[in-house]
Amino acid sequence: MPLLRVQAFVNTRDVEEATDLLADPQTARAWLIDAGLLPEGAALGEADLAFAREMREGIRSLLEGGHEVEALRRVAATQRARLTVAEDGACELENAGAGELADGLFELLLIVHRAQEDGSWSRLKVCANPDCRWAFFDRSRNQQGSWCDMAVCGNRLKNRQLRARRR
């Protein structure tokens, strides 16, 4: 599922472990190339990485119902999509570029757009544990999942709430 690519991008920052795969150029380059967001020989500078981190947090904000979308707007304003028509007549938007990081980030926005249209966007969520904030795909039937892992984050929060009530 393409939406899992967006999830992986958001999860390049692990709040709980205090790690960020987009923090240093070597690690970021390897991850971005593996994820198909950066072509093998493309340039990648500190400004690109800072923008990628901004974009990541913009998507996380969207998942949490926030409106910190300035980075997403900048990508959308500078990139181009083209409309393709398949043999069966199905119309699809696709990325017109493929040579730099901004093109890869725009591809993520196109995935978000498709997911919002088909209704799968509501299944991608951010863990309700403020110490975690991991993006997860809610596979529950009623789409009421709140934690990336009930046994870990859900249990922690429920225990905190129980201790707070007992005090």
Protein backbone atom coordinates (compact mmCIF):
# COMPACT_ATOMS: atom_id res chain seq x y z
CA MET A 1 0.00 0.00 0.00
CA PRO A 2 1.43 3.39 -0.95
CA LEU A 3 0.16 4.92 2.30
CA LEU A 4 2.65 2.75 4.19
CA ARG A 5 5.37 4.78 2.44
CA VAL A 6 3.97 7.93 4.06
CA GLN A 7 3.87 6.10 7.39
CA ALA A 8 7.52 5.08 7.03
CA PHE A 9 8.47 8.68 6.22
CA VAL A 10 6.70 10.04 9.31
CA ASN A 11 8.38 7.34 11.41
CA THR A 12 11.88 8.44 10.41
CA ARG A 13 11.73 10.34 13.69
CA ASP A 14 11.41 8.18 16.78
CA VAL A 15 10.29 10.47 19.61
CA GLU A 16 10.67 7.81 22.30
CA GLU A 17 14.21 6.80 21.31
CA ALA A 18 15.19 10.39 20.35
CA THR A 19 16.51 9.31 16.95
CA ASP A 20 16.02 10.89 13.55
CA LEU A 21 16.95 9.17 10.29
CA LEU A 22 16.83 12.54 8.55
CA ALA A 23 19.29 14.21 10.94
CA ASP A 24 22.58 13.49 9.19
CA PRO A 25 23.16 13.49 5.41
CA GLN A 26 24.64 9.98 5.10
CA THR A 27 21.88 8.18 6.99
CA ALA A 28 19.21 10.34 5.36
CA ARG A 29 20.57 9.73 1.85
CA ALA A 30 20.53 5.97 2.36
CA TRP A 31 17.00 5.98 3.76
CA LEU A 32 15.60 8.38 1.14
CA ILE A 33 17.10 6.35 -1.73
CA ASP A 34 15.76 3.08 -0.28
CA ALA A 35 12.32 4.68 0.11
CA GLY A 36 12.36 5.83 -3.52
CA LEU A 37 12.18 9.50 -2.55
CA LEU A 38 15.64 10.46 -3.81
CA PRO A 39 17.35 9.29 -7.02
CA GLU A 40 20.77 7.67 -6.58
CA GLY A 41 22.90 10.57 -7.85
CA ALA A 42 20.78 13.49 -6.66
CA ALA A 43 22.23 16.27 -4.52
CA LEU A 44 21.22 16.39 -0.88
CA GLY A 45 22.18 19.37 1.26
CA GLU A 46 21.42 20.52 4.78
CA ALA A 47 18.64 22.78 3.49
CA ASP A 48 17.04 19.78 1.74
CA LEU A 49 17.16 17.76 4.95
CA ALA A 50 15.72 20.61 7.00
CA PHE A 51 12.89 20.90 4.49
CA ALA A 52 12.28 17.11 4.56
CA ARG A 53 12.04 17.23 8.37
CA GLU A 54 9.59 20.14 8.09
CA MET A 55 7.54 18.18 5.57
CA ARG A 56 7.55 15.14 7.85
CA GLU A 57 6.23 17.18 10.77
CA GLY A 58 3.62 18.77 8.49
CA ILE A 59 2.31 15.32 7.57
CA ARG A 60 2.38 14.28 11.25
CA SER A 61 0.37 17.42 12.04
CA LEU A 62 -2.18 16.48 9.37
CA LEU A 63 -2.49 13.01 10.90
CA GLU A 64 -3.12 14.54 14.31
CA GLY A 65 -5.79 16.85 12.92
CA GLY A 66 -3.56 19.92 13.03
CA HIS A 67 -3.05 22.56 10.39
CA GLU A 68 0.72 23.05 10.26
CA VAL A 69 0.79 22.57 6.51
CA GLU A 70 3.10 25.34 5.29
CA ALA A 71 5.84 22.90 4.18
CA LEU A 72 3.25 20.81 2.33
CA ARG A 73 1.98 23.93 0.58
CA ARG A 74 5.52 24.87 -0.48
CA VAL A 75 6.06 21.44 -2.05
CA ALA A 76 2.69 21.58 -3.79
CA ALA A 77 3.37 25.08 -5.12
CA THR A 78 6.75 24.24 -6.63
CA GLN A 79 6.02 20.83 -8.17
CA ARG A 80 3.87 19.67 -11.04
CA ALA A 81 1.51 16.77 -11.49
CA ARG A 82 0.38 15.40 -14.81
CA LEU A 83 -2.81 13.61 -15.63
CA THR A 84 -2.45 10.23 -17.29
CA VAL A 85 -5.16 8.12 -18.88
CA ALA A 86 -4.83 4.33 -18.76
CA GLU A 87 -6.02 1.95 -21.49
CA ASP A 88 -9.24 1.33 -19.54
CA GLY A 89 -9.88 5.09 -19.35
CA ALA A 90 -8.94 5.49 -15.67
CA CYS A 91 -7.44 8.91 -14.97
CA GLU A 92 -4.57 9.24 -12.53
CA LEU A 93 -2.38 12.07 -11.26
CA GLU A 94 1.33 11.34 -11.30
CA ASN A 95 4.48 13.22 -10.44
CA ALA A 96 5.91 15.05 -13.47
CA GLY A 97 9.43 15.23 -12.04
CA ALA A 98 11.84 12.63 -10.71
CA GLY A 99 15.23 14.20 -10.17
CA GLU A 100 15.45 15.73 -6.71
CA LEU A 101 14.20 15.38 -3.15
CA ALA A 102 11.31 17.83 -3.68
CA ASP A 103 9.95 15.48 -6.37
CA GLY A 104 10.00 12.58 -3.91
CA LEU A 105 8.28 14.67 -1.26
CA PHE A 106 5.66 15.69 -3.82
CA GLU A 107 5.09 12.00 -4.54
CA LEU A 108 4.21 11.59 -0.85
CA LEU A 109 1.67 14.41 -1.18
CA LEU A 110 0.11 12.64 -4.17
CA ILE A 111 -0.20 9.49 -2.04
CA VAL A 112 -1.88 11.53 0.71
CA HIS A 113 -4.24 13.00 -1.90
CA ARG A 114 -5.22 9.53 -3.20
CA ALA A 115 -5.69 8.23 0.35
CA GLN A 116 -7.93 11.19 1.23
CA GLU A 117 -10.01 10.50 -1.87
CA ASP A 118 -10.38 6.74 -1.29
CA GLY A 119 -10.98 7.07 2.46
CA SER A 120 -7.88 5.18 3.63
CA TRP A 121 -6.29 8.38 5.02
CA SER A 122 -8.44 8.14 8.16
CA ARG A 123 -6.75 4.82 9.01
CA LEU A 124 -3.27 6.36 9.24
CA LYS A 125 -2.96 7.84 12.72
CA VAL A 126 -0.43 9.05 15.27
CA CYS A 127 -0.15 7.20 18.56
CA ALA A 128 -2.05 8.95 21.36
CA ASN A 129 0.90 8.41 23.70
CA PRO A 130 2.67 11.81 23.71
CA ASP A 131 5.96 10.06 24.48
CA CYS A 132 5.62 7.96 21.32
CA ARG A 133 3.79 9.79 18.47
CA TRP A 134 4.56 6.86 16.13
CA ALA A 135 2.46 6.77 12.95
CA PHE A 136 0.48 3.55 12.63
CA PHE A 137 -2.11 2.08 10.31
CA ASP A 138 -5.34 1.45 12.23
CA ARG A 139 -6.56 -1.97 11.15
CA SER A 140 -9.41 -2.13 13.67
CA ARG A 141 -12.84 -2.74 12.26
CA ASN A 142 -14.38 0.41 13.76
CA GLN A 143 -11.29 2.61 13.13
CA GLN A 144 -11.13 3.63 16.79
CA GLY A 145 -7.49 2.62 17.42
CA SER A 146 -5.53 5.16 19.45
CA TRP A 147 -2.18 3.52 20.09
CA CYS A 148 0.49 2.10 17.86
CA ASP A 149 0.59 -0.95 20.15
CA MET A 150 -2.02 -1.64 22.81
CA ALA A 151 0.37 -3.86 24.79
CA VAL A 152 2.96 -1.08 25.06
CA CYS A 153 1.59 2.45 24.60
CA GLY A 154 -2.03 1.67 25.40
CA ASN A 155 -1.06 -0.16 28.56
CA ARG A 156 1.30 2.65 29.66
CA LEU A 157 -1.35 5.34 29.25
CA LYS A 158 -4.08 3.30 30.92
CA ASN A 159 -1.78 2.61 33.88
CA ARG A 160 -0.88 6.33 34.14
CA GLN A 161 -4.55 7.26 34.13
CA LEU A 162 -5.32 4.64 36.77
CA ARG A 163 -2.51 5.89 39.05
CA ALA A 164 -3.68 9.49 38.58
CA ARG A 165 -7.25 8.55 39.54
CA ARG A 166 -6.04 6.71 42.65
CA ARG A 167 -4.02 9.74 43.82
